[in-house]
Protein backbone atom coordinates (compact mmCIF):
# COMPACT_ATOMS: atom_id res chain seq x y z
CA MET A 1 233.41 61.52 190.15
CA PRO A 2 236.91 62.34 192.06
CA ILE A 3 237.93 60.25 194.76
CA SER A 4 237.74 62.40 197.60
CA ASN A 5 233.97 63.06 196.53
CA LYS A 6 233.64 59.50 196.72
CA ILE A 7 234.97 59.55 200.15
CA VAL A 8 232.53 62.42 201.26
CA ALA A 9 229.74 60.47 199.59
CA ALA A 10 230.36 57.11 201.91
CA ILE A 11 230.81 59.30 205.11
CA GLN A 12 227.35 61.15 203.89
CA ARG A 13 225.54 57.43 203.84
CA SER A 14 226.38 56.55 207.09
CA GLY A 15 224.35 59.06 207.97
CA PHE A 16 227.70 61.71 209.42
CA PRO A 17 226.75 65.39 208.61
CA THR A 18 229.80 66.15 207.14
CA ASP A 19 229.07 70.39 207.81
CA LEU A 20 229.46 69.69 211.39
CA ALA A 21 232.75 68.07 211.26
CA VAL A 22 234.93 70.86 213.07
CA GLY A 23 232.02 71.22 215.79
CA PHE A 24 232.01 67.37 216.37
CA LEU A 25 235.98 67.45 216.31
CA ALA A 26 235.95 70.61 218.78
CA VAL A 27 233.42 68.54 220.98
CA VAL A 28 235.67 65.80 221.08
CA ILE A 29 238.98 67.97 221.81
CA PHE A 30 237.14 69.75 224.50
CA VAL A 31 235.70 66.56 226.49
CA ILE A 32 238.97 65.01 226.17
CA GLY A 33 240.30 67.54 228.33
CA ASP A 34 236.94 68.01 230.57
CA GLY A 35 237.26 64.80 231.43
CA ILE A 36 240.60 63.35 231.74
CA GLU A 37 240.42 62.59 235.15
CA ALA A 38 237.11 60.60 235.48
CA VAL A 39 238.04 57.39 236.32
CA TRP A 40 240.74 57.58 238.40
CA ILE A 41 239.37 61.01 240.35
CA THR A 42 237.99 58.73 242.83
CA SER A 43 241.03 56.84 243.55
CA TYR A 44 243.40 59.58 243.45
CA LEU A 45 241.45 61.76 246.13
CA SER A 46 241.44 58.89 248.18
CA THR A 47 245.08 58.11 248.17
CA PRO A 48 247.37 58.92 251.18
CA GLU A 49 248.94 61.82 249.18
CA VAL A 50 245.33 63.72 249.36
CA GLY A 51 244.21 61.61 252.36
CA PHE A 52 239.78 61.10 251.85
CA SER A 53 238.37 58.00 252.28
CA VAL A 54 236.91 56.49 249.09
CA SER A 55 233.16 57.44 250.30
CA GLN A 56 234.45 61.03 251.03
CA ALA A 57 235.99 61.35 247.49
CA SER A 58 232.82 59.97 245.94
CA MET A 59 230.87 62.75 247.86
CA ILE A 60 233.31 65.27 246.49
CA VAL A 61 232.64 63.27 243.02
CA THR A 62 228.19 64.04 243.46
CA SER A 63 228.73 67.77 244.01
CA TYR A 64 230.25 67.73 240.43
CA GLY A 65 227.39 65.43 239.65
CA VAL A 66 224.46 67.68 241.31
CA VAL A 67 226.09 71.06 239.43
CA VAL A 68 226.08 69.07 236.13
CA ALA A 69 222.88 68.67 236.68
CA ILE A 70 221.75 71.90 236.62
CA ALA A 71 223.92 73.26 234.27
CA ALA A 72 222.76 70.48 231.77
CA PHE A 73 219.24 71.49 232.38
CA LEU A 74 219.95 75.34 231.94
CA SER A 75 222.09 74.37 228.53
CA GLY A 76 219.38 73.12 226.67
CA ALA A 77 216.72 76.32 228.04
CA LEU A 78 219.12 78.93 227.97
CA CYS A 79 220.05 78.04 224.06
CA ASP A 80 216.09 79.89 223.86
CA ALA A 81 216.92 82.83 225.65
CA LEU A 82 220.97 83.21 224.77
CA GLY A 83 221.43 81.41 221.46
CA CYS A 84 223.65 78.15 220.86
CA ARG A 85 226.79 79.71 221.13
CA LYS A 86 226.74 81.83 224.18
CA VAL A 87 225.77 78.91 226.28
CA MET A 88 228.84 77.14 224.62
CA ALA A 89 230.90 79.98 225.76
CA ILE A 90 229.25 80.14 229.64
CA GLY A 91 230.63 75.98 229.77
CA LEU A 92 234.19 76.78 228.01
CA VAL A 93 235.31 79.90 230.11
CA SER A 94 233.87 78.51 233.56
CA PHE A 95 235.45 75.18 233.36
CA LEU A 96 239.05 77.07 232.38
CA ILE A 97 238.48 79.05 235.44
CA PHE A 98 237.65 76.29 238.15
CA ASP A 99 239.39 73.96 237.00
CA ALA A 100 242.21 76.05 237.27
CA LEU A 101 241.23 76.28 240.99
CA PHE A 102 240.63 72.71 241.46
CA ILE A 103 244.02 71.83 240.44
CA THR A 104 246.42 75.29 242.22
CA VAL A 105 243.92 75.62 245.66
CA ALA A 106 240.94 73.03 245.84
CA ILE A 107 243.23 69.82 245.92
CA ALA A 108 245.96 71.39 248.22
CA SER A 109 244.01 72.63 250.50
CA HIS A 110 243.14 69.12 251.78
CA SER A 111 240.08 70.54 252.65
CA LEU A 112 236.56 68.57 252.12
CA PRO A 113 234.23 71.32 251.78
CA LEU A 114 236.37 73.16 249.30
CA LEU A 115 236.87 70.39 246.86
CA MET A 116 233.43 70.05 247.16
CA VAL A 117 232.26 73.48 245.90
CA ILE A 118 235.62 73.77 243.48
CA TYR A 119 235.18 70.48 241.98
CA GLY A 120 231.25 70.95 241.73
CA LEU A 121 231.83 73.99 239.98
CA ARG A 122 233.96 72.40 237.28
CA GLY A 123 230.55 71.00 235.94
CA PHE A 124 229.20 74.11 233.99
CA GLY A 125 231.39 73.29 231.40
CA TYR A 126 230.82 70.19 229.43
CA PRO A 127 226.96 70.24 229.64
CA MET A 128 226.71 73.68 228.64
CA PHE A 129 229.77 72.96 225.98
CA ALA A 130 228.83 69.75 224.53
CA TYR A 131 224.87 69.93 225.66
CA GLY A 132 224.67 73.13 223.89
CA PHE A 133 226.35 71.75 220.88
CA LEU A 134 223.81 69.04 220.60
CA THR A 135 220.90 71.38 220.63
CA TRP A 136 222.03 73.55 218.06
CA VAL A 137 222.55 70.46 216.01
CA MET A 138 218.92 69.06 216.51
CA MET A 139 217.83 72.69 215.88
CA VAL A 140 219.49 72.17 211.94
CA THR A 141 218.90 68.57 211.92
CA PRO A 142 215.85 67.18 209.83
CA ALA A 143 213.66 65.43 211.96
CA ALA A 144 213.89 61.71 209.97
CA ARG A 145 217.86 61.72 210.82
CA GLN A 146 217.83 63.25 214.13
CA SER A 147 218.78 59.44 215.31
CA SER A 148 221.67 59.57 213.37
CA ALA A 149 222.36 63.07 214.29
CA SER A 150 222.44 61.99 218.13
CA GLY A 151 223.86 59.12 217.47
CA TRP A 152 227.25 61.10 215.67
CA PHE A 153 227.29 63.33 218.29
CA TRP A 154 227.46 60.80 220.80
CA PHE A 155 230.08 59.13 219.09
CA ALA A 156 232.41 62.30 219.65
CA PHE A 157 231.33 62.68 223.00
CA SER A 158 232.06 59.06 223.79
CA LEU A 159 235.21 59.31 221.63
CA GLY A 160 236.60 62.04 224.15
CA MET A 161 235.20 61.30 227.55
CA GLN A 162 235.46 57.63 227.58
CA LEU A 163 237.83 55.99 225.34
CA LEU A 164 240.59 59.08 224.48
CA GLY A 165 240.34 60.32 228.26
CA SER A 166 240.43 57.16 229.85
CA TYR A 167 243.25 56.43 227.29
CA LEU A 168 245.53 58.67 227.63
CA SER A 169 245.19 59.08 231.47
CA SER A 170 246.52 55.76 231.38
CA PHE A 171 249.78 56.87 229.75
CA PHE A 172 250.13 60.05 231.61
CA VAL A 173 249.34 59.38 234.89
CA PRO A 174 252.54 56.62 235.28
CA ALA A 175 254.58 59.15 233.24
CA ILE A 176 254.02 62.64 234.59
CA GLY A 177 251.72 62.04 237.69
CA HIS A 178 248.24 63.06 238.79
CA THR A 179 248.47 67.29 238.93
CA ALA A 180 250.30 67.40 235.37
CA THR A 181 247.64 65.12 233.58
CA LEU A 182 245.27 67.79 235.23
CA TRP A 183 246.83 70.50 233.52
CA ALA A 184 246.90 68.49 230.59
CA GLY A 185 243.26 68.09 230.33
CA TRP A 186 242.87 72.04 231.12
CA ALA A 187 244.92 72.82 228.10
CA LEU A 188 243.10 70.74 225.43
CA ALA A 189 239.28 71.63 226.88
CA ALA A 190 241.24 74.97 225.98
CA VAL A 191 242.15 74.18 222.30
CA GLY A 192 238.78 71.95 221.63
CA GLY A 193 236.68 75.21 222.92
CA GLY A 194 238.75 77.93 220.75
CA LEU A 195 237.99 75.56 218.14
CA GLY A 196 234.01 75.11 218.92
CA MET A 197 233.79 78.84 219.29
CA ALA A 198 235.61 79.91 216.19
CA PHE A 199 233.42 76.68 214.42
CA LEU A 200 229.86 78.52 215.07
CA ALA A 201 230.95 82.08 214.58
CA ARG A 202 230.90 80.51 210.85
CA HIS A 203 226.84 79.82 211.13
CA PRO A 204 224.68 82.39 212.09
CA SER A 205 221.47 80.39 213.72
CA ALA A 206 223.97 79.37 216.95
CA ASP A 207 223.46 82.95 218.05
CA LEU A 208 219.49 82.96 216.86
CA ASN A 209 217.02 82.99 220.28
CA GLN A 210 213.53 82.90 220.59
CA GLY A 211 213.81 86.21 222.03
CA LYS A 212 212.60 85.30 225.27
CA SER A 213 213.34 86.36 229.29
CA ILE A 214 215.71 83.25 230.78
CA ALA A 215 213.70 83.05 233.18
CA ALA A 216 210.82 82.55 230.53
CA SER A 217 213.11 80.00 228.80
CA VAL A 218 213.24 77.90 232.44
CA SER A 219 210.18 78.10 233.00
CA SER A 220 208.75 76.94 229.77
CA ALA A 221 211.84 73.75 229.66
CA VAL A 222 210.32 73.29 233.43
CA THR A 223 206.67 73.18 232.42
CA VAL A 224 207.41 71.03 229.57
CA LEU A 225 207.19 68.37 231.97
CA TRP A 226 203.45 68.01 232.38
CA ARG A 227 202.55 69.27 229.38
CA TYR A 228 203.93 66.63 227.84
CA PRO A 229 204.16 63.65 230.31
CA LYS A 230 206.15 61.47 228.48
CA VAL A 231 208.81 64.01 228.02
CA SER A 232 208.99 63.53 231.45
CA ILE A 233 209.73 59.86 231.12
CA GLY A 234 211.64 59.78 228.62
CA GLY A 235 214.14 62.24 230.88
CA ILE A 236 213.58 59.20 233.91
CA VAL A 237 215.38 56.94 231.40
CA LYS A 238 217.98 59.26 230.34
CA VAL A 239 219.06 59.73 234.09
CA ILE A 240 219.34 55.66 233.95
CA ASN A 241 221.01 55.70 230.79
CA LEU A 242 224.11 57.53 232.71
CA SER A 243 223.64 56.64 236.06
CA GLY A 244 225.20 53.25 235.39
CA GLN A 245 227.95 55.23 233.44
CA TYR A 246 229.30 57.61 235.96
CA GLY A 247 228.53 55.14 239.08
CA MET A 248 230.55 52.44 237.12
CA GLN A 249 232.85 55.31 237.19
CA ALA A 250 233.36 56.32 240.83
CA PHE A 251 233.93 52.82 241.79
CA TYR A 252 235.06 50.29 239.41
CA VAL A 253 238.74 51.32 239.14
CA VAL A 254 239.00 51.01 243.15
CA TYR A 255 237.30 48.13 242.97
CA LEU A 256 239.78 46.77 240.83
CA HIS A 257 242.81 48.15 242.18
CA LYS A 258 241.82 47.83 245.85
CA VAL A 259 239.79 44.84 246.14
CA PHE A 260 242.16 42.82 243.68
CA GLY A 261 245.44 44.22 243.31
CA MET A 262 244.85 45.29 239.54
CA PRO A 263 247.64 47.89 238.59
CA GLU A 264 245.50 51.70 238.32
CA SER A 265 246.60 51.98 235.11
CA GLN A 266 245.56 48.72 233.43
CA ALA A 267 241.96 49.40 235.37
CA ILE A 268 241.99 52.53 234.33
CA LEU A 269 242.61 50.88 230.45
CA GLU A 270 239.43 49.10 230.95
CA PHE A 271 237.63 52.17 230.33
CA SER A 272 239.37 52.31 227.44
CA ILE A 273 237.84 49.04 225.99
CA PHE A 274 234.36 50.43 227.14
CA GLY A 275 234.67 53.71 224.95
CA LEU A 276 236.21 52.21 222.10
CA VAL A 277 233.11 49.73 221.95
CA ALA A 278 230.69 52.62 222.99
CA ILE A 279 231.78 54.89 220.28
CA ILE A 280 231.53 52.10 217.76
CA GLY A 281 227.99 51.74 219.43
CA ASP A 282 226.60 55.43 219.36
CA VAL A 283 227.01 55.14 215.27
CA PHE A 284 225.17 51.63 215.09
CA TRP A 285 222.52 52.21 217.30
CA GLY A 286 221.75 55.91 216.30
CA VAL A 287 221.38 54.17 212.66
CA MET A 288 219.52 50.99 214.04
CA GLY A 289 217.09 53.57 216.10
CA ASP A 290 215.48 54.64 212.99
CA LYS A 291 215.12 51.53 211.24
CA ILE A 292 214.10 49.41 214.23
CA GLY A 293 212.24 52.03 216.30
CA TRP A 294 213.56 54.27 219.20
CA ARG A 295 211.95 52.59 221.94
CA ASN A 296 212.55 49.30 220.66
CA THR A 297 215.96 49.66 220.56
CA ILE A 298 216.18 51.08 224.22
CA GLN A 299 213.56 48.72 225.85
CA TRP A 300 214.55 45.29 224.00
CA ALA A 301 218.84 46.42 223.80
CA ALA A 302 219.93 49.15 225.53
CA ALA A 303 218.31 48.02 229.38
CA PRO A 304 218.81 44.35 229.27
CA ILE A 305 222.35 44.39 228.17
CA CYS A 306 223.55 47.32 230.55
CA ALA A 307 221.94 45.17 233.81
CA ALA A 308 223.61 42.02 232.70
CA SER A 309 226.76 43.94 231.90
CA LEU A 310 227.02 45.48 235.46
CA VAL A 311 226.24 42.18 237.20
CA TYR A 312 228.70 40.56 234.77
CA MET A 313 231.81 43.38 235.78
CA TYR A 314 231.04 42.69 239.55
CA LEU A 315 230.83 38.65 239.66
CA ILE A 316 234.32 38.52 237.07
CA PRO A 317 236.94 39.19 239.07
CA ILE A 318 235.50 37.27 242.49
CA ILE A 319 235.14 34.12 240.25
CA ALA A 320 238.39 34.99 238.16
CA GLY A 321 240.71 37.66 239.44
CA PRO A 322 241.46 40.66 237.75
CA SER A 323 242.14 39.24 234.19
CA PHE A 324 242.10 41.92 231.91
CA PHE A 325 240.15 39.63 229.36
CA LEU A 326 237.37 38.70 231.03
CA ILE A 327 237.15 42.53 232.79
CA ALA A 328 237.27 43.85 228.76
CA LEU A 329 234.57 41.73 227.90
CA GLY A 330 232.08 43.20 230.62
CA THR A 331 233.07 46.75 229.77
CA ALA A 332 232.76 46.10 226.23
CA ALA A 333 229.22 44.26 226.97
CA ILE A 334 228.43 48.05 229.38
CA GLY A 335 229.41 50.29 226.05
CA ILE A 336 227.08 48.30 223.85
CA GLY A 337 224.00 48.49 225.99
CA LEU A 338 224.94 52.24 226.93
CA SER A 339 225.12 53.15 223.55
CA ALA A 340 221.83 51.79 222.67
CA PHE A 341 220.40 54.50 224.77
CA VAL A 342 221.14 56.82 221.78
CA PRO A 343 217.64 56.86 220.39
CA THR A 344 216.45 58.61 223.74
CA THR A 345 217.01 62.06 221.97
CA PRO A 346 214.90 62.11 218.86
CA LEU A 347 212.67 60.22 220.98
CA ILE A 348 212.28 62.78 223.86
CA THR A 349 211.98 65.58 220.81
CA ALA A 350 209.22 63.57 219.06
CA HIS A 351 207.17 63.98 222.24
CA ALA A 352 207.81 67.25 222.97
CA GLN A 353 205.70 68.14 219.28
CA GLY A 354 208.43 70.62 218.19
CA GLU A 355 209.65 72.19 221.33
CA THR A 356 213.38 71.07 220.83
CA GLY A 357 214.62 73.75 223.34
CA ASN A 358 212.63 72.57 226.06
CA ALA A 359 212.74 68.76 225.19
CA LEU A 360 216.78 69.16 224.98
CA ALA A 361 216.60 70.87 228.48
CA ILE A 362 215.08 67.51 229.92
CA LEU A 363 217.11 65.27 228.03
CA ASN A 364 220.08 67.18 229.00
CA LEU A 365 218.93 67.48 232.33
CA GLY A 366 218.35 63.72 232.92
CA ALA A 367 222.20 63.26 231.25
CA GLY A 368 223.41 65.40 234.32
CA LEU A 369 221.11 64.23 236.81
CA GLY A 370 222.79 60.89 236.14
CA ALA A 371 226.07 62.19 237.21
CA PHE A 372 224.92 62.73 240.47
CA VAL A 373 222.57 59.57 240.42
CA GLY A 374 225.21 57.21 240.00
CA PRO A 375 228.02 58.61 242.22
CA ALA A 376 225.15 59.17 244.75
CA ILE A 377 224.25 55.67 244.52
CA VAL A 378 227.71 54.50 245.51
CA THR A 379 228.04 56.96 248.37
CA LEU A 380 225.20 55.71 249.83
CA LEU A 381 225.77 52.16 249.57
CA LEU A 382 229.37 51.38 249.57
CA GLY A 383 230.26 48.90 252.00
CA ASP A 384 234.20 48.16 253.19
CA GLU A 385 236.01 49.63 250.77
CA THR A 386 238.56 46.52 250.97
CA THR A 387 236.33 43.37 250.36
CA ALA A 388 234.33 42.37 247.28
CA SER A 389 231.15 42.65 249.52
CA GLY A 390 231.20 46.12 250.40
CA TYR A 391 230.53 46.72 246.62
CA LEU A 392 227.67 44.17 246.25
CA TRP A 393 225.04 46.43 246.96
CA VAL A 394 226.71 49.16 244.64
CA ALA A 395 226.16 47.30 241.75
CA VAL A 396 223.03 45.33 242.63
CA GLY A 397 221.70 49.26 242.92
CA LEU A 398 223.04 50.73 239.56
CA ALA A 399 222.15 47.04 237.68
CA GLY A 400 218.32 47.62 239.13
CA LEU A 401 218.36 51.17 237.57
CA TYR A 402 218.16 49.37 234.06
CA VAL A 403 215.35 47.10 234.89
CA ILE A 404 213.19 50.36 236.00
CA ALA A 405 214.29 51.65 232.62
CA PHE A 406 212.75 48.51 230.72
CA ALA A 407 209.39 48.90 232.46
CA LEU A 408 209.28 52.86 231.87
CA THR A 409 210.02 52.12 228.26
CA PHE A 410 206.47 50.50 227.94
CA ALA A 411 205.27 54.02 228.24
CA LEU A 412 207.34 55.37 225.54
CA THR A 413 205.22 54.07 222.79
CA PHE A 414 205.68 55.95 220.06
CA ALA A 415 205.45 55.11 216.15
CA LEU A 416 208.34 56.13 214.08
CA LYS A 417 207.24 59.02 212.38
CA LEU A 418 208.57 62.89 212.47
CA PRO A 419 207.70 64.65 215.14
CA GLY A 420 205.51 67.71 215.84
CA ASN A 421 205.68 70.10 213.13
CA ALA A 422 209.08 68.57 211.15
CA LYS A 423 208.04 68.19 207.67
CA ILE A 424 209.91 66.86 204.65
CA ILE A 425 208.14 68.39 201.58
CA ASP A 426 210.62 66.36 199.22
CA THR A 427 213.75 64.50 199.00
CA THR A 428 216.30 67.63 198.02
CA ASP A 429 218.61 67.21 201.31
CA LEU A 430 219.00 71.02 201.96
CA LEU A 431 218.31 73.38 205.31
CA VAL A 432 217.43 76.65 204.72
CA THR A 433 218.09 79.41 206.86
CA ALA A 434 215.81 81.35 209.33
CA GLU A 435 215.90 84.11 207.27
CA ALA A 436 214.32 81.84 203.95
CA LEU A 437 212.12 79.84 206.20
CA ALA A 438 210.47 83.17 207.29
CA GLU A 439 210.30 84.10 203.68
CA LEU A 440 208.45 81.09 202.80
CA LYS A 441 205.80 81.17 205.50
CA ALA A 442 204.96 84.58 204.74
CA GLY A 443 204.59 83.89 201.45
CA GLU A 444 202.48 81.06 202.07
CA ALA A 445 200.52 83.18 204.45
CA GLY A 446 200.26 86.25 201.54
CA THR A 447 202.00 88.44 204.01
CA LYS A 448 205.11 90.63 204.36
CA PRO A 449 208.42 88.68 205.53
CA THR A 450 209.27 89.66 208.84
CA ASN A 451 212.13 88.23 211.37
CA ALA A 452 212.04 85.08 212.73
CA PRO A 453 213.89 83.35 215.49
CA GLY A 454 214.39 80.34 213.43
CA ALA A 455 213.87 76.52 213.88
CA LEU A 456 213.62 76.63 217.62
CA SER A 457 211.67 75.60 220.13
CA GLY A 458 207.83 76.18 220.12
CA GLN A 459 208.35 77.62 216.92
CA ALA A 460 204.80 77.43 214.59
CA GLY A 461 205.05 75.81 211.20
CA PRO A 462 207.62 73.53 209.77
CA THR A 463 211.19 73.70 211.23
CA VAL A 464 213.11 71.41 208.62
CA VAL A 465 211.96 72.62 204.81
CA HIS A 466 213.78 70.70 201.69
CA ARG A 467 213.13 72.34 198.64
CA SER A 468 213.91 70.62 195.05
CA GLY A 469 216.03 72.71 192.30
CA SER A 470 217.04 75.30 194.83
CA ALA A 471 220.08 77.30 194.95
CA PRO A 472 221.94 77.06 198.42
CA THR A 473 220.70 79.41 201.09
CA PRO A 474 223.77 81.33 203.22
CA ASP A 475 225.47 81.02 206.20
CA ASP A 476 223.49 77.46 207.51
CA ALA A 477 222.69 75.92 204.62
CA LEU A 478 223.74 72.48 206.03
CA LEU A 479 223.39 69.53 203.81
CA ALA A 480 221.50 67.02 206.69
CA ARG A 481 223.10 64.39 205.16
């Protein structure tokens, strides 16, 4: 076997879907640009240059979270109506427009209402683009490997949003300033978005839809909440998962910088430690979730580690001062804990019994609401922003969410098995296209094949078929490695 093939085989054994590599790269680049300001925007908006208090800056970030929540929900629901590629295109175009307006108009206006509107509308960007891609990935991935696939997605997302975004910011902000850093992010988002659109243009399944109206798709995604109550519980767990992250981003740089005097660039760099550990954890926990159980991973690793880490991160600078190393231990621990929530994706999908698009609409809504709930807790519970005691209830509130998540997961008892209508017929790792699937189903029924929308949510019959000894099918015959 050639060396290159051995390398590919080794990568595939890790659970990485090599055929989707370009798409994952596009996500990385896009979210670097989209979230390049995430860990320092509150600090920047509360400087004399812009003129807002920390509480007001947190309100601006909260408005962003509201839109992110709406966009995240729609990203899954609209995939059934429009197809995943169109949903991603909406996210790309909306981000480029509103980010440019944020940089050129909103900041210069020093108007709190205008900043809340414009910065908020930027929130249509990454949920539509990144979560639209995640929805497509879960639709073309065999159920037995969905935890690994979702782990690699969150690896790509965390690599861009949490590690590289904050790492580049720690150099860009001191060197070229906040505004130029924002423009650098805009350019990166454009490059990543263009790459993603070009990649999905090669895969017709990204344009497949259920033939539903937008209203019907949204309605179906809403009703899954009471048709499958455990999907609702899983959605709440996902809200909590990301509330801690976004809440931490909203206050921790300010906490370290204003209260303890840590240089802003060093405080930002602490988030690079978090991001580095999180991306490793996304892959590790994705694989472990398939081995030890999805619920077990969330309940006995994710929730306890996150709760303890947030308390530690609040206390350690009070006890030891602004020690980069000791604070980095806390950010590394929260990276481990948050990444252990990776199996939430297949767990919610499993409880939806084959309604993949609807399940991911709720998953994405939960992720989006985390971007609202976390900063909202900071806004509501923040006291005196110049003293450590002013941040006490923020830390307690965020840590308490994970205690709730621990309790909720008792309701998510689910044996590790293939969810809903996904079946493995044999071990050849070949996904068939929607057209081939329609032919197989028609052949089983003894009827003439008809056009089928593909393995989208709510489709009857098997969503994943493995065939032995068959020639590869065209277009989206993706290897589910």
